[in-house]
Amino acid sequence: MDAVAAANILTASLQAGRVSVADLARVQRRREVPTRVIQAIVNVMQDRLLKAALDPNGSFTFPTFLGWPLVRKLPPLLFGFGIRPEHVKDGA
């Protein structure tokens, strides 16, 4: 997703041979929120699920809702397509 956003934003500047810091800042602004959201989700999953599951002193059982079909399908969709899906623009 980051590469597609960068291509969409930077194509004209790259073709003209003049990419500015402002152009790069546009890419960062476009991708910063989705990246932070995904990182936060991963951190929560790691802290709440993986730590508990790997604790040798604990008796962890996975929450029942993790077996629900929608919940099983949501993480792959979220991580695969992202919070803000990007699509290649014509000419990019």
PDB file of N, CA and C in Angstrom:
ATOM      1  N   MET A   1       0.813  -1.194   0.000  1.00  0.00           N
ATOM      2  CA  MET A   1       0.000   0.000   0.000  1.00  0.00           C
ATOM      3  C   MET A   1       0.861   1.263   0.000  1.00  0.00           C
ATOM      4  N   ASP A   2       1.950   1.228   0.755  1.00  0.00           N
ATOM      5  CA  ASP A   2       2.815   2.399   0.818  1.00  0.00           C
ATOM      6  C   ASP A   2       3.437   2.692  -0.547  1.00  0.00           C
ATOM      7  N   ALA A   3       3.852   1.633  -1.249  1.00  0.00           N
ATOM      8  CA  ALA A   3       4.471   1.820  -2.564  1.00  0.00           C
ATOM      9  C   ALA A   3       3.475   2.394  -3.566  1.00  0.00           C
ATOM     10  N   VAL A   4       2.232   1.945  -3.501  1.00  0.00           N
ATOM     11  CA  VAL A   4       1.209   2.449  -4.422  1.00  0.00           C
ATOM     12  C   VAL A   4       0.929   3.921  -4.126  1.00  0.00           C
ATOM     13  N   ALA A   5       0.813   4.259  -2.858  1.00  0.00           N
ATOM     14  CA  ALA A   5       0.592   5.659  -2.493  1.00  0.00           C
ATOM     15  C   ALA A   5       1.764   6.524  -2.952  1.00  0.00           C
ATOM     16  N   ALA A   6       2.972   6.032  -2.737  1.00  0.00           N
ATOM     17  CA  ALA A   6       4.156   6.787  -3.159  1.00  0.00           C
ATOM     18  C   ALA A   6       4.165   6.959  -4.674  1.00  0.00           C
ATOM     19  N   ALA A   7       3.848   5.904  -5.405  1.00  0.00           N
ATOM     20  CA  ALA A   7       3.829   6.002  -6.868  1.00  0.00           C
ATOM     21  C   ALA A   7       2.781   7.006  -7.333  1.00  0.00           C
ATOM     22  N   ASN A   8       1.601   6.938  -6.741  1.00  0.00           N
ATOM     23  CA  ASN A   8       0.536   7.867  -7.137  1.00  0.00           C
ATOM     24  C   ASN A   8       0.923   9.314  -6.870  1.00  0.00           C
ATOM     25  N   ILE A   9       1.560   9.559  -5.759  1.00  0.00           N
ATOM     26  CA  ILE A   9       1.886  10.931  -5.366  1.00  0.00           C
ATOM     27  C   ILE A   9       3.145  11.446  -6.063  1.00  0.00           C
ATOM     28  N   LEU A  10       4.121  10.577  -6.262  1.00  0.00           N
ATOM     29  CA  LEU A  10       5.431  11.033  -6.730  1.00  0.00           C
ATOM     30  C   LEU A  10       5.668  10.899  -8.231  1.00  0.00           C
ATOM     31  N   THR A  11       4.778  10.248  -8.960  1.00  0.00           N
ATOM     32  CA  THR A  11       5.039   9.988 -10.381  1.00  0.00           C
ATOM     33  C   THR A  11       5.397  11.250 -11.159  1.00  0.00           C
ATOM     34  N   ALA A  12       4.577  12.265 -11.083  1.00  0.00           N
ATOM     35  CA  ALA A  12       4.824  13.487 -11.858  1.00  0.00           C
ATOM     36  C   ALA A  12       6.150  14.139 -11.459  1.00  0.00           C
ATOM     37  N   SER A  13       6.411  14.193 -10.156  1.00  0.00           N
ATOM     38  CA  SER A  13       7.660  14.807  -9.685  1.00  0.00           C
ATOM     39  C   SER A  13       8.875  14.008 -10.131  1.00  0.00           C
ATOM     40  N   LEU A  14       8.767  12.677 -10.078  1.00  0.00           N
ATOM     41  CA  LEU A  14       9.876  11.835 -10.513  1.00  0.00           C
ATOM     42  C   LEU A  14      10.118  11.982 -12.015  1.00  0.00           C
ATOM     43  N   GLN A  15       9.050  12.036 -12.782  1.00  0.00           N
ATOM     44  CA  GLN A  15       9.200  12.195 -14.231  1.00  0.00           C
ATOM     45  C   GLN A  15       9.815  13.541 -14.587  1.00  0.00           C
ATOM     46  N   ALA A  16       9.516  14.551 -13.778  1.00  0.00           N
ATOM     47  CA  ALA A  16      10.083  15.880 -14.007  1.00  0.00           C
ATOM     48  C   ALA A  16      11.503  15.991 -13.461  1.00  0.00           C
ATOM     49  N   GLY A  17      11.910  14.978 -12.688  1.00  0.00           N
ATOM     50  CA  GLY A  17      13.263  14.991 -12.134  1.00  0.00           C
ATOM     51  C   GLY A  17      13.431  15.920 -10.950  1.00  0.00           C
ATOM     52  N   ARG A  18      12.344  16.210 -10.250  1.00  0.00           N
ATOM     53  CA  ARG A  18      12.447  17.103  -9.091  1.00  0.00           C
ATOM     54  C   ARG A  18      11.452  16.687  -8.000  1.00  0.00           C
ATOM     55  N   VAL A  19      11.919  15.846  -7.131  1.00  0.00           N
ATOM     56  CA  VAL A  19      11.119  15.426  -5.977  1.00  0.00           C
ATOM     57  C   VAL A  19      11.522  16.295  -4.797  1.00  0.00           C
ATOM     58  N   SER A  20      10.548  16.904  -4.171  1.00  0.00           N
ATOM     59  CA  SER A  20      10.843  17.797  -3.046  1.00  0.00           C
ATOM     60  C   SER A  20      10.504  17.117  -1.720  1.00  0.00           C
ATOM     61  N   VAL A  21      10.965  17.724  -0.662  1.00  0.00           N
ATOM     62  CA  VAL A  21      10.632  17.242   0.681  1.00  0.00           C
ATOM     63  C   VAL A  21       9.129  17.341   0.895  1.00  0.00           C
ATOM     64  N   ALA A  22       8.505  18.341   0.322  1.00  0.00           N
ATOM     65  CA  ALA A  22       7.047  18.488   0.438  1.00  0.00           C
ATOM     66  C   ALA A  22       6.322  17.308  -0.222  1.00  0.00           C
ATOM     67  N   ASP A  23       6.850  16.828  -1.354  1.00  0.00           N
ATOM     68  CA  ASP A  23       6.263  15.652  -2.009  1.00  0.00           C
ATOM     69  C   ASP A  23       6.355  14.438  -1.096  1.00  0.00           C
ATOM     70  N   LEU A  24       7.514  14.252  -0.494  1.00  0.00           N
ATOM     71  CA  LEU A  24       7.712  13.121   0.410  1.00  0.00           C
ATOM     72  C   LEU A  24       6.831  13.250   1.654  1.00  0.00           C
ATOM     73  N   ALA A  25       6.641  14.463   2.113  1.00  0.00           N
ATOM     74  CA  ALA A  25       5.766  14.696   3.271  1.00  0.00           C
ATOM     75  C   ALA A  25       4.324  14.329   2.936  1.00  0.00           C
ATOM     76  N   ARG A  26       3.910  14.548   1.687  1.00  0.00           N
ATOM     77  CA  ARG A  26       2.551  14.158   1.263  1.00  0.00           C
ATOM     78  C   ARG A  26       2.378  12.650   1.351  1.00  0.00           C
ATOM     79  N   VAL A  27       3.396  11.908   0.938  1.00  0.00           N
ATOM     80  CA  VAL A  27       3.337  10.449   1.035  1.00  0.00           C
ATOM     81  C   VAL A  27       3.223  10.044   2.498  1.00  0.00           C
ATOM     82  N   GLN A  28       4.038  10.662   3.346  1.00  0.00           N
ATOM     83  CA  GLN A  28       3.998  10.325   4.774  1.00  0.00           C
ATOM     84  C   GLN A  28       2.644  10.637   5.375  1.00  0.00           C
ATOM     85  N   ARG A  29       2.084  11.786   5.067  1.00  0.00           N
ATOM     86  CA  ARG A  29       0.762  12.144   5.605  1.00  0.00           C
ATOM     87  C   ARG A  29      -0.304  11.153   5.138  1.00  0.00           C
ATOM     88  N   ARG A  30      -0.200  10.719   3.901  1.00  0.00           N
ATOM     89  CA  ARG A  30      -1.197   9.798   3.339  1.00  0.00           C
ATOM     90  C   ARG A  30      -1.158   8.442   4.035  1.00  0.00           C
ATOM     91  N   ARG A  31       0.028   7.966   4.411  1.00  0.00           N
ATOM     92  CA  ARG A  31       0.170   6.608   4.934  1.00  0.00           C
ATOM     93  C   ARG A  31       0.362   6.538   6.447  1.00  0.00           C
ATOM     94  N   GLU A  32       0.549   7.652   7.116  1.00  0.00           N
ATOM     95  CA  GLU A  32       0.868   7.615   8.546  1.00  0.00           C
ATOM     96  C   GLU A  32      -0.264   7.046   9.397  1.00  0.00           C
ATOM     97  N   VAL A  33      -1.474   7.502   9.210  1.00  0.00           N
ATOM     98  CA  VAL A  33      -2.598   7.026  10.032  1.00  0.00           C
ATOM     99  C   VAL A  33      -2.853   5.526   9.824  1.00  0.00           C
ATOM    100  N   PRO A  34      -2.952   5.046   8.578  1.00  0.00           N
ATOM    101  CA  PRO A  34      -3.155   3.606   8.416  1.00  0.00           C
ATOM    102  C   PRO A  34      -2.031   2.773   9.036  1.00  0.00           C
ATOM    103  N   THR A  35      -0.800   3.240   8.911  1.00  0.00           N
ATOM    104  CA  THR A  35       0.333   2.515   9.490  1.00  0.00           C
ATOM    105  C   THR A  35       0.235   2.479  11.007  1.00  0.00           C
ATOM    106  N   ARG A  36      -0.092   3.594  11.606  1.00  0.00           N
ATOM    107  CA  ARG A  36      -0.209   3.636  13.069  1.00  0.00           C
ATOM    108  C   ARG A  36      -1.351   2.760  13.574  1.00  0.00           C
ATOM    109  N   VAL A  37      -2.452   2.721  12.854  1.00  0.00           N
ATOM    110  CA  VAL A  37      -3.590   1.888  13.259  1.00  0.00           C
ATOM    111  C   VAL A  37      -3.204   0.409  13.218  1.00  0.00           C
ATOM    112  N   ILE A  38      -2.583  -0.016  12.131  1.00  0.00           N
ATOM    113  CA  ILE A  38      -2.170  -1.417  12.016  1.00  0.00           C
ATOM    114  C   ILE A  38      -1.152  -1.761  13.093  1.00  0.00           C
ATOM    115  N   GLN A  39      -0.188  -0.874  13.344  1.00  0.00           N
ATOM    116  CA  GLN A  39       0.800  -1.122  14.396  1.00  0.00           C
ATOM    117  C   GLN A  39       0.137  -1.238  15.767  1.00  0.00           C
ATOM    118  N   ALA A  40      -0.857  -0.410  16.030  1.00  0.00           N
ATOM    119  CA  ALA A  40      -1.566  -0.479  17.311  1.00  0.00           C
ATOM    120  C   ALA A  40      -2.308  -1.807  17.454  1.00  0.00           C
ATOM    121  N   ILE A  41      -2.942  -2.251  16.376  1.00  0.00           N
ATOM    122  CA  ILE A  41      -3.658  -3.534  16.412  1.00  0.00           C
ATOM    123  C   ILE A  41      -2.687  -4.679  16.672  1.00  0.00           C
ATOM    124  N   VAL A  42      -1.562  -4.663  16.003  1.00  0.00           N
ATOM    125  CA  VAL A  42      -0.553  -5.711  16.202  1.00  0.00           C
ATOM    126  C   VAL A  42      -0.042  -5.692  17.634  1.00  0.00           C
ATOM    127  N   ASN A  43       0.209  -4.507  18.169  1.00  0.00           N
ATOM    128  CA  ASN A  43       0.682  -4.403  19.553  1.00  0.00           C
ATOM    129  C   ASN A  43      -0.331  -4.961  20.544  1.00  0.00           C
ATOM    130  N   VAL A  44      -1.603  -4.657  20.346  1.00  0.00           N
ATOM    131  CA  VAL A  44      -2.652  -5.179  21.231  1.00  0.00           C
ATOM    132  C   VAL A  44      -2.718  -6.694  21.131  1.00  0.00           C
ATOM    133  N   MET A  45      -2.681  -7.204  19.904  1.00  0.00           N
ATOM    134  CA  MET A  45      -2.729  -8.652  19.728  1.00  0.00           C
ATOM    135  C   MET A  45      -1.534  -9.318  20.414  1.00  0.00           C
ATOM    136  N   GLN A  46      -0.375  -8.718  20.252  1.00  0.00           N
ATOM    137  CA  GLN A  46       0.825  -9.289  20.862  1.00  0.00           C
ATOM    138  C   GLN A  46       0.740  -9.234  22.384  1.00  0.00           C
ATOM    139  N   ASP A  47       0.361  -8.092  22.918  1.00  0.00           N
ATOM    140  CA  ASP A  47       0.319  -7.929  24.379  1.00  0.00           C
ATOM    141  C   ASP A  47      -0.770  -8.773  25.034  1.00  0.00           C
ATOM    142  N   ARG A  48      -1.930  -8.830  24.398  1.00  0.00           N
ATOM    143  CA  ARG A  48      -3.066  -9.510  25.026  1.00  0.00           C
ATOM    144  C   ARG A  48      -3.122 -11.000  24.731  1.00  0.00           C
ATOM    145  N   LEU A  49      -2.816 -11.389  23.506  1.00  0.00           N
ATOM    146  CA  LEU A  49      -2.982 -12.782  23.124  1.00  0.00           C
ATOM    147  C   LEU A  49      -1.682 -13.574  23.158  1.00  0.00           C
ATOM    148  N   LEU A  50      -0.676 -13.086  22.464  1.00  0.00           N
ATOM    149  CA  LEU A  50       0.547 -13.875  22.349  1.00  0.00           C
ATOM    150  C   LEU A  50       1.302 -14.000  23.668  1.00  0.00           C
ATOM    151  N   LYS A  51       1.413 -12.890  24.398  1.00  0.00           N
ATOM    152  CA  LYS A  51       2.098 -12.971  25.700  1.00  0.00           C
ATOM    153  C   LYS A  51       1.423 -13.992  26.598  1.00  0.00           C
ATOM    154  N   ALA A  52       0.100 -13.913  26.664  1.00  0.00           N
ATOM    155  CA  ALA A  52      -0.645 -14.836  27.522  1.00  0.00           C
ATOM    156  C   ALA A  52      -0.539 -16.270  27.007  1.00  0.00           C
ATOM    157  N   ALA A  53      -0.585 -16.457  25.701  1.00  0.00           N
ATOM    158  CA  ALA A  53      -0.514 -17.801  25.136  1.00  0.00           C
ATOM    159  C   ALA A  53       0.857 -18.437  25.335  1.00  0.00           C
ATOM    160  N   LEU A  54       1.899 -17.611  25.356  1.00  0.00           N
ATOM    161  CA  LEU A  54       3.260 -18.134  25.497  1.00  0.00           C
ATOM    162  C   LEU A  54       3.757 -18.176  26.937  1.00  0.00           C
ATOM    163  N   ASP A  55       2.955 -17.692  27.865  1.00  0.00           N
ATOM    164  CA  ASP A  55       3.353 -17.694  29.279  1.00  0.00           C
ATOM    165  C   ASP A  55       3.341 -19.130  29.813  1.00  0.00           C
ATOM    166  N   PRO A  56       4.517 -19.668  30.194  1.00  0.00           N
ATOM    167  CA  PRO A  56       4.563 -21.057  30.670  1.00  0.00           C
ATOM    168  C   PRO A  56       3.860 -21.247  32.018  1.00  0.00           C
ATOM    169  N   ASN A  57       3.655 -20.183  32.756  1.00  0.00           N
ATOM    170  CA  ASN A  57       3.016 -20.283  34.067  1.00  0.00           C
ATOM    171  C   ASN A  57       1.502 -20.063  34.015  1.00  0.00           C
ATOM    172  N   GLY A  58       0.993 -19.675  32.877  1.00  0.00           N
ATOM    173  CA  GLY A  58      -0.436 -19.366  32.773  1.00  0.00           C
ATOM    174  C   GLY A  58      -1.216 -20.519  32.178  1.00  0.00           C
ATOM    175  N   SER A  59      -2.500 -20.430  32.322  1.00  0.00           N
ATOM    176  CA  SER A  59      -3.378 -21.427  31.705  1.00  0.00           C
ATOM    177  C   SER A  59      -4.282 -20.680  30.734  1.00  0.00           C
ATOM    178  N   PHE A  60      -3.701 -20.320  29.621  1.00  0.00           N
ATOM    179  CA  PHE A  60      -4.394 -19.493  28.628  1.00  0.00           C
ATOM    180  C   PHE A  60      -5.323 -20.338  27.769  1.00  0.00           C
ATOM    181  N   THR A  61      -6.515 -19.830  27.557  1.00  0.00           N
ATOM    182  CA  THR A  61      -7.424 -20.403  26.562  1.00  0.00           C
ATOM    183  C   THR A  61      -7.855 -19.266  25.648  1.00  0.00           C
ATOM    184  N   PHE A  62      -7.911 -19.547  24.363  1.00  0.00           N
ATOM    185  CA  PHE A  62      -8.297 -18.505  23.420  1.00  0.00           C
ATOM    186  C   PHE A  62      -9.742 -18.111  23.653  1.00  0.00           C
ATOM    187  N   PRO A  63     -10.024 -16.820  23.578  1.00  0.00           N
ATOM    188  CA  PRO A  63     -11.403 -16.360  23.739  1.00  0.00           C
ATOM    189  C   PRO A  63     -12.319 -16.986  22.683  1.00  0.00           C
ATOM    190  N   THR A  64     -13.534 -17.259  23.060  1.00  0.00           N
ATOM    191  CA  THR A  64     -14.503 -17.913  22.181  1.00  0.00           C
ATOM    192  C   THR A  64     -14.734 -17.128  20.895  1.00  0.00           C
ATOM    193  N   PHE A  65     -14.741 -15.800  20.995  1.00  0.00           N
ATOM    194  CA  PHE A  65     -15.054 -14.999  19.810  1.00  0.00           C
ATOM    195  C   PHE A  65     -14.014 -15.160  18.704  1.00  0.00           C
ATOM    196  N   LEU A  66     -12.825 -15.656  19.016  1.00  0.00           N
ATOM    197  CA  LEU A  66     -11.814 -15.860  17.980  1.00  0.00           C
ATOM    198  C   LEU A  66     -12.197 -16.980  17.016  1.00  0.00           C
ATOM    199  N   GLY A  67     -13.158 -17.797  17.404  1.00  0.00           N
ATOM    200  CA  GLY A  67     -13.632 -18.858  16.532  1.00  0.00           C
ATOM    201  C   GLY A  67     -14.777 -18.444  15.626  1.00  0.00           C
ATOM    202  N   TRP A  68     -15.327 -17.271  15.844  1.00  0.00           N
ATOM    203  CA  TRP A  68     -16.436 -16.806  15.017  1.00  0.00           C
ATOM    204  C   TRP A  68     -15.940 -16.546  13.592  1.00  0.00           C
ATOM    205  N   PRO A  69     -16.707 -16.934  12.573  1.00  0.00           N
ATOM    206  CA  PRO A  69     -16.247 -16.780  11.179  1.00  0.00           C
ATOM    207  C   PRO A  69     -15.838 -15.355  10.808  1.00  0.00           C
ATOM    208  N   LEU A  70     -16.632 -14.365  11.193  1.00  0.00           N
ATOM    209  CA  LEU A  70     -16.289 -12.991  10.836  1.00  0.00           C
ATOM    210  C   LEU A  70     -14.975 -12.568  11.491  1.00  0.00           C
ATOM    211  N   VAL A  71     -14.784 -12.940  12.734  1.00  0.00           N
ATOM    212  CA  VAL A  71     -13.564 -12.566  13.462  1.00  0.00           C
ATOM    213  C   VAL A  71     -12.351 -13.266  12.843  1.00  0.00           C
ATOM    214  N   ARG A  72     -12.525 -14.488  12.363  1.00  0.00           N
ATOM    215  CA  ARG A  72     -11.419 -15.201  11.714  1.00  0.00           C
ATOM    216  C   ARG A  72     -11.049 -14.557  10.385  1.00  0.00           C
ATOM    217  N   LYS A  73     -12.038 -13.995   9.683  1.00  0.00           N
ATOM    218  CA  LYS A  73     -11.791 -13.406   8.367  1.00  0.00           C
ATOM    219  C   LYS A  73     -11.290 -11.965   8.445  1.00  0.00           C
ATOM    220  N   LEU A  74     -11.607 -11.274   9.511  1.00  0.00           N
ATOM    221  CA  LEU A  74     -11.286  -9.859   9.603  1.00  0.00           C
ATOM    222  C   LEU A  74      -9.791  -9.550   9.612  1.00  0.00           C
ATOM    223  N   PRO A  75      -8.971 -10.191  10.441  1.00  0.00           N
ATOM    224  CA  PRO A  75      -7.534  -9.842  10.428  1.00  0.00           C
ATOM    225  C   PRO A  75      -6.848 -10.005   9.074  1.00  0.00           C
ATOM    226  N   PRO A  76      -7.060 -11.120   8.357  1.00  0.00           N
ATOM    227  CA  PRO A  76      -6.404 -11.200   7.049  1.00  0.00           C
ATOM    228  C   PRO A  76      -6.855 -10.100   6.086  1.00  0.00           C
ATOM    229  N   LEU A  77      -8.142  -9.765   6.127  1.00  0.00           N
ATOM    230  CA  LEU A  77      -8.632  -8.688   5.265  1.00  0.00           C
ATOM    231  C   LEU A  77      -8.022  -7.348   5.667  1.00  0.00           C
ATOM    232  N   LEU A  78      -7.985  -7.106   6.956  1.00  0.00           N
ATOM    233  CA  LEU A  78      -7.446  -5.853   7.473  1.00  0.00           C
ATOM    234  C   LEU A  78      -5.971  -5.704   7.135  1.00  0.00           C
ATOM    235  N   PHE A  79      -5.203  -6.768   7.358  1.00  0.00           N
ATOM    236  CA  PHE A  79      -3.770  -6.684   7.090  1.00  0.00           C
ATOM    237  C   PHE A  79      -3.465  -6.771   5.599  1.00  0.00           C
ATOM    238  N   GLY A  80      -4.294  -7.473   4.843  1.00  0.00           N
ATOM    239  CA  GLY A  80      -4.073  -7.600   3.410  1.00  0.00           C
ATOM    240  C   GLY A  80      -4.443  -6.361   2.619  1.00  0.00           C
ATOM    241  N   PHE A  81      -5.584  -5.766   2.954  1.00  0.00           N
ATOM    242  CA  PHE A  81      -6.062  -4.613   2.210  1.00  0.00           C
ATOM    243  C   PHE A  81      -5.836  -3.295   2.937  1.00  0.00           C
ATOM    244  N   GLY A  82      -5.618  -3.348   4.238  1.00  0.00           N
ATOM    245  CA  GLY A  82      -5.286  -2.153   4.985  1.00  0.00           C
ATOM    246  C   GLY A  82      -6.476  -1.327   5.421  1.00  0.00           C
ATOM    247  N   ILE A  83      -6.163  -0.296   6.165  1.00  0.00           N
ATOM    248  CA  ILE A  83      -7.158   0.637   6.686  1.00  0.00           C
ATOM    249  C   ILE A  83      -7.615   1.578   5.575  1.00  0.00           C
ATOM    250  N   ARG A  84      -6.666   1.980   4.738  1.00  0.00           N
ATOM    251  CA  ARG A  84      -6.964   2.866   3.617  1.00  0.00           C
ATOM    252  C   ARG A  84      -6.361   2.233   2.374  1.00  0.00           C
ATOM    253  N   PRO A  85      -7.128   1.382   1.691  1.00  0.00           N
ATOM    254  CA  PRO A  85      -6.585   0.718   0.510  1.00  0.00           C
ATOM    255  C   PRO A  85      -6.181   1.738  -0.565  1.00  0.00           C
ATOM    256  N   GLU A  86      -5.096   1.450  -1.215  1.00  0.00           N
ATOM    257  CA  GLU A  86      -4.609   2.318  -2.285  1.00  0.00           C
ATOM    258  C   GLU A  86      -4.796   1.594  -3.614  1.00  0.00           C
ATOM    259  N   HIS A  87      -5.048   2.359  -4.655  1.00  0.00           N
ATOM    260  CA  HIS A  87      -5.218   1.813  -5.992  1.00  0.00           C
ATOM    261  C   HIS A  87      -4.362   2.635  -6.956  1.00  0.00           C
ATOM    262  N   VAL A  88      -3.724   1.969  -7.888  1.00  0.00           N
ATOM    263  CA  VAL A  88      -2.871   2.655  -8.845  1.00  0.00           C
ATOM    264  C   VAL A  88      -3.742   3.567  -9.711  1.00  0.00           C
ATOM    265  N   LYS A  89      -3.329   4.836  -9.801  1.00  0.00           N
ATOM    266  CA  LYS A  89      -4.052   5.785 -10.629  1.00  0.00           C
ATOM    267  C   LYS A  89      -3.549   5.672 -12.058  1.00  0.00           C
ATOM    268  N   ASP A  90      -4.395   5.986 -13.006  1.00  0.00           N
ATOM    269  CA  ASP A  90      -3.979   5.980 -14.411  1.00  0.00           C
ATOM    270  C   ASP A  90      -2.797   6.923 -14.602  1.00  0.00           C
ATOM    271  N   GLY A  91      -1.805   6.432 -15.297  1.00  0.00           N
ATOM    272  CA  GLY A  91      -0.630   7.258 -15.557  1.00  0.00           C
ATOM    273  C   GLY A  91       0.399   7.210 -14.446  1.00  0.00           C
ATOM    274  N   ALA A  92       0.114   6.502 -13.345  1.00  0.00           N
ATOM    275  CA  ALA A  92       1.076   6.441 -12.237  1.00  0.00           C
ATOM    276  C   ALA A  92       2.028   5.282 -12.446  1.00  0.00           C
TER     277      ALA A  92
END
